[in-house]
Amino acid sequence: MNGGALPPDLSLIIKARDNGENYLFSLLTGYSDPPYGMELREGLYYNPYFSGGAIAMFPPLADGKVEYPDGTKATVSQMAKDVTTLLAYSSSKEQDERKKMGIKTIIGAAFLLVVIYYHKRFRWNLIKHRRVNFE
Protein backbone atom coordinates (compact mmCIF):
# COMPACT_ATOMS: atom_id res chain seq x y z
CA MET A 1 0.00 0.00 0.00
CA ASN A 2 2.90 2.39 0.62
CA GLY A 3 4.69 1.51 -2.58
CA GLY A 4 7.26 -0.51 -0.65
CA ALA A 5 8.08 2.34 1.76
CA LEU A 6 7.82 2.10 5.51
CA PRO A 7 5.00 4.17 7.02
CA PRO A 8 6.04 7.42 8.71
CA ASP A 9 6.32 7.61 12.49
CA LEU A 10 3.81 10.36 13.23
CA SER A 11 5.00 10.78 16.83
CA LEU A 12 8.26 12.11 15.41
CA ILE A 13 6.40 14.55 13.17
CA ILE A 14 4.73 16.06 16.24
CA LYS A 15 8.12 16.81 17.80
CA ALA A 16 9.92 17.73 14.57
CA ARG A 17 7.53 20.38 13.27
CA ASP A 18 6.61 23.69 14.81
CA ASN A 19 3.01 23.45 16.02
CA GLY A 20 3.16 19.72 15.21
CA GLU A 21 -0.06 18.72 16.98
CA ASN A 22 -2.11 21.22 14.99
CA TYR A 23 -0.37 20.17 11.76
CA LEU A 24 -1.18 16.49 12.32
CA PHE A 25 -4.78 17.27 13.30
CA SER A 26 -5.20 19.36 10.13
CA LEU A 27 -3.56 16.66 8.05
CA LEU A 28 -5.88 13.95 9.40
CA THR A 29 -9.05 16.01 8.96
CA GLY A 30 -8.13 17.92 5.78
CA TYR A 31 -8.93 15.39 3.08
CA SER A 32 -11.30 16.82 0.47
CA ASP A 33 -12.00 16.85 -3.24
CA PRO A 34 -9.35 18.62 -5.30
CA PRO A 35 -10.17 22.13 -6.53
CA TYR A 36 -11.43 22.66 -10.04
CA GLY A 37 -8.71 22.11 -12.61
CA MET A 38 -6.33 20.14 -10.39
CA GLU A 39 -5.56 16.67 -11.70
CA LEU A 40 -4.26 14.01 -9.30
CA ARG A 41 -2.50 10.83 -10.31
CA GLU A 42 -4.01 7.50 -9.33
CA GLY A 43 -3.30 6.69 -5.69
CA LEU A 44 -2.97 10.33 -4.60
CA TYR A 45 -5.49 12.21 -2.48
CA TYR A 46 -5.99 15.95 -2.10
CA ASN A 47 -5.11 17.49 1.24
CA PRO A 48 -4.45 21.26 1.35
CA TYR A 49 -2.42 20.93 4.57
CA PHE A 50 0.20 18.71 2.91
CA SER A 51 2.86 20.51 0.89
CA GLY A 52 1.92 20.29 -2.77
CA GLY A 53 -1.63 19.28 -1.90
CA ALA A 54 -1.26 15.68 -3.12
CA ILE A 55 -0.63 12.99 -0.53
CA ALA A 56 -0.33 9.24 -1.08
CA MET A 57 -1.75 8.32 2.34
CA PHE A 58 -5.32 7.09 2.13
CA PRO A 59 -7.68 9.06 4.44
CA PRO A 60 -7.16 7.07 7.65
CA LEU A 61 -10.25 8.24 9.52
CA ALA A 62 -13.94 7.99 8.74
CA ASP A 63 -17.05 8.76 10.80
CA GLY A 64 -18.38 5.93 12.97
CA LYS A 65 -15.32 3.63 12.81
CA VAL A 66 -14.81 3.60 16.60
CA GLU A 67 -17.21 3.08 19.50
CA TYR A 68 -16.43 5.14 22.57
CA PRO A 69 -17.47 3.57 25.90
CA ASP A 70 -18.93 6.84 27.17
CA GLY A 71 -21.13 7.30 24.11
CA THR A 72 -19.10 10.07 22.47
CA LYS A 73 -19.96 10.46 18.82
CA ALA A 74 -17.12 9.08 16.66
CA THR A 75 -16.52 11.93 14.22
CA VAL A 76 -13.36 12.42 12.20
CA SER A 77 -12.38 15.47 14.24
CA GLN A 78 -12.90 13.64 17.56
CA MET A 79 -10.82 10.67 16.45
CA ALA A 80 -8.12 12.97 15.01
CA LYS A 81 -7.98 14.81 18.34
CA ASP A 82 -7.59 11.52 20.20
CA VAL A 83 -4.88 10.25 17.85
CA THR A 84 -3.00 13.56 18.02
CA THR A 85 -3.17 13.65 21.82
CA LEU A 86 -1.93 10.06 22.09
CA LEU A 87 0.96 10.68 19.67
CA ALA A 88 1.93 13.87 21.50
CA TYR A 89 2.02 11.96 24.78
CA SER A 90 3.96 9.02 23.35
CA SER A 91 6.45 11.27 21.54
CA SER A 92 7.81 12.54 24.87
CA LYS A 93 7.71 9.60 27.24
CA GLU A 94 10.21 11.25 29.56
CA GLN A 95 7.94 14.26 30.14
CA ASP A 96 6.63 12.98 33.50
CA GLU A 97 10.17 12.36 34.76
CA ARG A 98 11.20 15.87 33.67
CA LYS A 99 8.28 17.39 35.56
CA LYS A 100 9.19 15.45 38.72
CA MET A 101 12.80 16.56 38.40
CA GLY A 102 11.64 20.15 37.90
CA ILE A 103 9.66 20.10 41.14
CA LYS A 104 12.64 18.65 43.02
CA THR A 105 14.89 21.34 41.53
CA ILE A 106 12.53 24.15 42.56
CA ILE A 107 12.27 22.79 46.12
CA GLY A 108 16.08 22.47 46.32
CA ALA A 109 16.57 25.99 44.96
CA ALA A 110 14.08 27.39 47.49
CA PHE A 111 15.95 25.66 50.34
CA LEU A 112 19.27 26.96 49.02
CA LEU A 113 17.82 30.47 48.80
CA VAL A 114 16.79 30.33 52.48
CA VAL A 115 20.29 29.16 53.48
CA ILE A 116 21.95 31.92 51.43
CA TYR A 117 19.62 34.55 52.90
CA TYR A 118 20.42 33.39 56.45
CA HIS A 119 24.14 33.45 55.74
CA LYS A 120 24.01 36.94 54.27
CA ARG A 121 21.69 38.42 56.86
CA PHE A 122 23.15 37.06 60.08
CA ARG A 123 26.71 35.94 59.35
CA TRP A 124 27.86 38.85 57.21
CA ASN A 125 26.04 41.37 59.38
CA LEU A 126 28.89 41.39 61.92
CA ILE A 127 31.52 41.99 59.25
CA LYS A 128 29.46 44.45 57.27
CA HIS A 129 28.73 46.79 60.20
CA ARG A 130 32.09 46.62 61.96
CA ARG A 131 33.67 49.92 62.84
CA VAL A 132 37.33 50.46 62.39
CA ASN A 133 38.89 53.22 64.52
CA PHE A 134 42.22 54.63 63.44
CA GLU A 135 43.87 56.30 66.39
C-alpha atoms as a PDB file:
ATOM      1  CA  MET A   1       0.000   0.000   0.000  1.00  0.00           C
ATOM      2  CA  ASN A   2       2.896   2.391   0.618  1.00  0.00           C
ATOM      3  CA  GLY A   3       4.689   1.511  -2.583  1.00  0.00           C
ATOM      4  CA  GLY A   4       7.258  -0.507  -0.653  1.00  0.00           C
ATOM      5  CA  ALA A   5       8.085   2.341   1.755  1.00  0.00           C
ATOM      6  CA  LEU A   6       7.818   2.105   5.512  1.00  0.00           C
ATOM      7  CA  PRO A   7       4.995   4.166   7.018  1.00  0.00           C
ATOM      8  CA  PRO A   8       6.043   7.418   8.713  1.00  0.00           C
ATOM      9  CA  ASP A   9       6.324   7.613  12.491  1.00  0.00           C
ATOM     10  CA  LEU A  10       3.811  10.357  13.235  1.00  0.00           C
ATOM     11  CA  SER A  11       4.998  10.783  16.831  1.00  0.00           C
ATOM     12  CA  LEU A  12       8.265  12.109  15.408  1.00  0.00           C
ATOM     13  CA  ILE A  13       6.402  14.555  13.173  1.00  0.00           C
ATOM     14  CA  ILE A  14       4.730  16.065  16.236  1.00  0.00           C
ATOM     15  CA  LYS A  15       8.118  16.808  17.797  1.00  0.00           C
ATOM     16  CA  ALA A  16       9.916  17.728  14.575  1.00  0.00           C
ATOM     17  CA  ARG A  17       7.526  20.379  13.271  1.00  0.00           C
ATOM     18  CA  ASP A  18       6.608  23.687  14.809  1.00  0.00           C
ATOM     19  CA  ASN A  19       3.015  23.449  16.020  1.00  0.00           C
ATOM     20  CA  GLY A  20       3.159  19.725  15.208  1.00  0.00           C
ATOM     21  CA  GLU A  21      -0.056  18.719  16.978  1.00  0.00           C
ATOM     22  CA  ASN A  22      -2.110  21.216  14.990  1.00  0.00           C
ATOM     23  CA  TYR A  23      -0.372  20.169  11.763  1.00  0.00           C
ATOM     24  CA  LEU A  24      -1.177  16.494  12.323  1.00  0.00           C
ATOM     25  CA  PHE A  25      -4.783  17.274  13.296  1.00  0.00           C
ATOM     26  CA  SER A  26      -5.198  19.357  10.129  1.00  0.00           C
ATOM     27  CA  LEU A  27      -3.560  16.656   8.049  1.00  0.00           C
ATOM     28  CA  LEU A  28      -5.880  13.947   9.403  1.00  0.00           C
ATOM     29  CA  THR A  29      -9.046  16.013   8.963  1.00  0.00           C
ATOM     30  CA  GLY A  30      -8.129  17.923   5.784  1.00  0.00           C
ATOM     31  CA  TYR A  31      -8.927  15.389   3.082  1.00  0.00           C
ATOM     32  CA  SER A  32     -11.302  16.815   0.473  1.00  0.00           C
ATOM     33  CA  ASP A  33     -12.002  16.847  -3.238  1.00  0.00           C
ATOM     34  CA  PRO A  34      -9.350  18.624  -5.298  1.00  0.00           C
ATOM     35  CA  PRO A  35     -10.172  22.128  -6.528  1.00  0.00           C
ATOM     36  CA  TYR A  36     -11.427  22.663 -10.045  1.00  0.00           C
ATOM     37  CA  GLY A  37      -8.707  22.112 -12.606  1.00  0.00           C
ATOM     38  CA  MET A  38      -6.334  20.136 -10.390  1.00  0.00           C
ATOM     39  CA  GLU A  39      -5.558  16.668 -11.700  1.00  0.00           C
ATOM     40  CA  LEU A  40      -4.263  14.008  -9.302  1.00  0.00           C
ATOM     41  CA  ARG A  41      -2.498  10.829 -10.313  1.00  0.00           C
ATOM     42  CA  GLU A  42      -4.012   7.496  -9.330  1.00  0.00           C
ATOM     43  CA  GLY A  43      -3.300   6.687  -5.693  1.00  0.00           C
ATOM     44  CA  LEU A  44      -2.974  10.326  -4.598  1.00  0.00           C
ATOM     45  CA  TYR A  45      -5.486  12.212  -2.482  1.00  0.00           C
ATOM     46  CA  TYR A  46      -5.993  15.952  -2.103  1.00  0.00           C
ATOM     47  CA  ASN A  47      -5.106  17.494   1.240  1.00  0.00           C
ATOM     48  CA  PRO A  48      -4.452  21.256   1.346  1.00  0.00           C
ATOM     49  CA  TYR A  49      -2.418  20.929   4.567  1.00  0.00           C
ATOM     50  CA  PHE A  50       0.195  18.713   2.913  1.00  0.00           C
ATOM     51  CA  SER A  51       2.857  20.513   0.891  1.00  0.00           C
ATOM     52  CA  GLY A  52       1.924  20.291  -2.767  1.00  0.00           C
ATOM     53  CA  GLY A  53      -1.630  19.276  -1.900  1.00  0.00           C
ATOM     54  CA  ALA A  54      -1.256  15.678  -3.118  1.00  0.00           C
ATOM     55  CA  ILE A  55      -0.634  12.986  -0.526  1.00  0.00           C
ATOM     56  CA  ALA A  56      -0.329   9.241  -1.077  1.00  0.00           C
ATOM     57  CA  MET A  57      -1.751   8.322   2.338  1.00  0.00           C
ATOM     58  CA  PHE A  58      -5.316   7.088   2.132  1.00  0.00           C
ATOM     59  CA  PRO A  59      -7.678   9.058   4.437  1.00  0.00           C
ATOM     60  CA  PRO A  60      -7.159   7.069   7.653  1.00  0.00           C
ATOM     61  CA  LEU A  61     -10.249   8.245   9.524  1.00  0.00           C
ATOM     62  CA  ALA A  62     -13.943   7.988   8.741  1.00  0.00           C
ATOM     63  CA  ASP A  63     -17.048   8.758  10.797  1.00  0.00           C
ATOM     64  CA  GLY A  64     -18.376   5.932  12.972  1.00  0.00           C
ATOM     65  CA  LYS A  65     -15.315   3.634  12.805  1.00  0.00           C
ATOM     66  CA  VAL A  66     -14.814   3.598  16.596  1.00  0.00           C
ATOM     67  CA  GLU A  67     -17.212   3.077  19.498  1.00  0.00           C
ATOM     68  CA  TYR A  68     -16.428   5.140  22.572  1.00  0.00           C
ATOM     69  CA  PRO A  69     -17.468   3.568  25.895  1.00  0.00           C
ATOM     70  CA  ASP A  70     -18.932   6.844  27.175  1.00  0.00           C
ATOM     71  CA  GLY A  71     -21.132   7.302  24.106  1.00  0.00           C
ATOM     72  CA  THR A  72     -19.095  10.073  22.465  1.00  0.00           C
ATOM     73  CA  LYS A  73     -19.958  10.459  18.816  1.00  0.00           C
ATOM     74  CA  ALA A  74     -17.119   9.085  16.660  1.00  0.00           C
ATOM     75  CA  THR A  75     -16.524  11.931  14.216  1.00  0.00           C
ATOM     76  CA  VAL A  76     -13.365  12.415  12.197  1.00  0.00           C
ATOM     77  CA  SER A  77     -12.381  15.473  14.235  1.00  0.00           C
ATOM     78  CA  GLN A  78     -12.904  13.638  17.562  1.00  0.00           C
ATOM     79  CA  MET A  79     -10.822  10.670  16.447  1.00  0.00           C
ATOM     80  CA  ALA A  80      -8.121  12.972  15.014  1.00  0.00           C
ATOM     81  CA  LYS A  81      -7.980  14.809  18.338  1.00  0.00           C
ATOM     82  CA  ASP A  82      -7.592  11.516  20.205  1.00  0.00           C
ATOM     83  CA  VAL A  83      -4.877  10.252  17.848  1.00  0.00           C
ATOM     84  CA  THR A  84      -3.003  13.559  18.023  1.00  0.00           C
ATOM     85  CA  THR A  85      -3.170  13.648  21.822  1.00  0.00           C
ATOM     86  CA  LEU A  86      -1.928  10.058  22.085  1.00  0.00           C
ATOM     87  CA  LEU A  87       0.956  10.684  19.673  1.00  0.00           C
ATOM     88  CA  ALA A  88       1.931  13.875  21.498  1.00  0.00           C
ATOM     89  CA  TYR A  89       2.024  11.964  24.783  1.00  0.00           C
ATOM     90  CA  SER A  90       3.955   9.020  23.350  1.00  0.00           C
ATOM     91  CA  SER A  91       6.452  11.267  21.545  1.00  0.00           C
ATOM     92  CA  SER A  92       7.805  12.537  24.865  1.00  0.00           C
ATOM     93  CA  LYS A  93       7.707   9.599  27.239  1.00  0.00           C
ATOM     94  CA  GLU A  94      10.209  11.248  29.563  1.00  0.00           C
ATOM     95  CA  GLN A  95       7.938  14.262  30.143  1.00  0.00           C
ATOM     96  CA  ASP A  96       6.630  12.981  33.501  1.00  0.00           C
ATOM     97  CA  GLU A  97      10.169  12.363  34.758  1.00  0.00           C
ATOM     98  CA  ARG A  98      11.201  15.873  33.673  1.00  0.00           C
ATOM     99  CA  LYS A  99       8.280  17.391  35.564  1.00  0.00           C
ATOM    100  CA  LYS A 100       9.189  15.448  38.723  1.00  0.00           C
ATOM    101  CA  MET A 101      12.802  16.556  38.397  1.00  0.00           C
ATOM    102  CA  GLY A 102      11.641  20.154  37.900  1.00  0.00           C
ATOM    103  CA  ILE A 103       9.659  20.097  41.137  1.00  0.00           C
ATOM    104  CA  LYS A 104      12.641  18.647  43.021  1.00  0.00           C
ATOM    105  CA  THR A 105      14.887  21.337  41.530  1.00  0.00           C
ATOM    106  CA  ILE A 106      12.530  24.146  42.557  1.00  0.00           C
ATOM    107  CA  ILE A 107      12.272  22.788  46.122  1.00  0.00           C
ATOM    108  CA  GLY A 108      16.079  22.473  46.318  1.00  0.00           C
ATOM    109  CA  ALA A 109      16.565  25.990  44.961  1.00  0.00           C
ATOM    110  CA  ALA A 110      14.082  27.395  47.493  1.00  0.00           C
ATOM    111  CA  PHE A 111      15.947  25.663  50.339  1.00  0.00           C
ATOM    112  CA  LEU A 112      19.270  26.964  49.023  1.00  0.00           C
ATOM    113  CA  LEU A 113      17.819  30.470  48.799  1.00  0.00           C
ATOM    114  CA  VAL A 114      16.794  30.333  52.480  1.00  0.00           C
ATOM    115  CA  VAL A 115      20.292  29.163  53.483  1.00  0.00           C
ATOM    116  CA  ILE A 116      21.952  31.920  51.435  1.00  0.00           C
ATOM    117  CA  TYR A 117      19.625  34.553  52.896  1.00  0.00           C
ATOM    118  CA  TYR A 118      20.420  33.389  56.447  1.00  0.00           C
ATOM    119  CA  HIS A 119      24.144  33.455  55.742  1.00  0.00           C
ATOM    120  CA  LYS A 120      24.008  36.940  54.266  1.00  0.00           C
ATOM    121  CA  ARG A 121      21.693  38.415  56.858  1.00  0.00           C
ATOM    122  CA  PHE A 122      23.149  37.058  60.084  1.00  0.00           C
ATOM    123  CA  ARG A 123      26.714  35.942  59.352  1.00  0.00           C
ATOM    124  CA  TRP A 124      27.857  38.850  57.214  1.00  0.00           C
ATOM    125  CA  ASN A 125      26.041  41.365  59.380  1.00  0.00           C
ATOM    126  CA  LEU A 126      28.890  41.395  61.916  1.00  0.00           C
ATOM    127  CA  ILE A 127      31.516  41.988  59.245  1.00  0.00           C
ATOM    128  CA  LYS A 128      29.455  44.447  57.272  1.00  0.00           C
ATOM    129  CA  HIS A 129      28.728  46.789  60.203  1.00  0.00           C
ATOM    130  CA  ARG A 130      32.090  46.621  61.958  1.00  0.00           C
ATOM    131  CA  ARG A 131      33.675  49.921  62.837  1.00  0.00           C
ATOM    132  CA  VAL A 132      37.327  50.458  62.391  1.00  0.00           C
ATOM    133  CA  ASN A 133      38.894  53.219  64.524  1.00  0.00           C
ATOM    134  CA  PHE A 134      42.219  54.632  63.445  1.00  0.00           C
ATOM    135  CA  GLU A 135      43.871  56.299  66.387  1.00  0.00           C
END
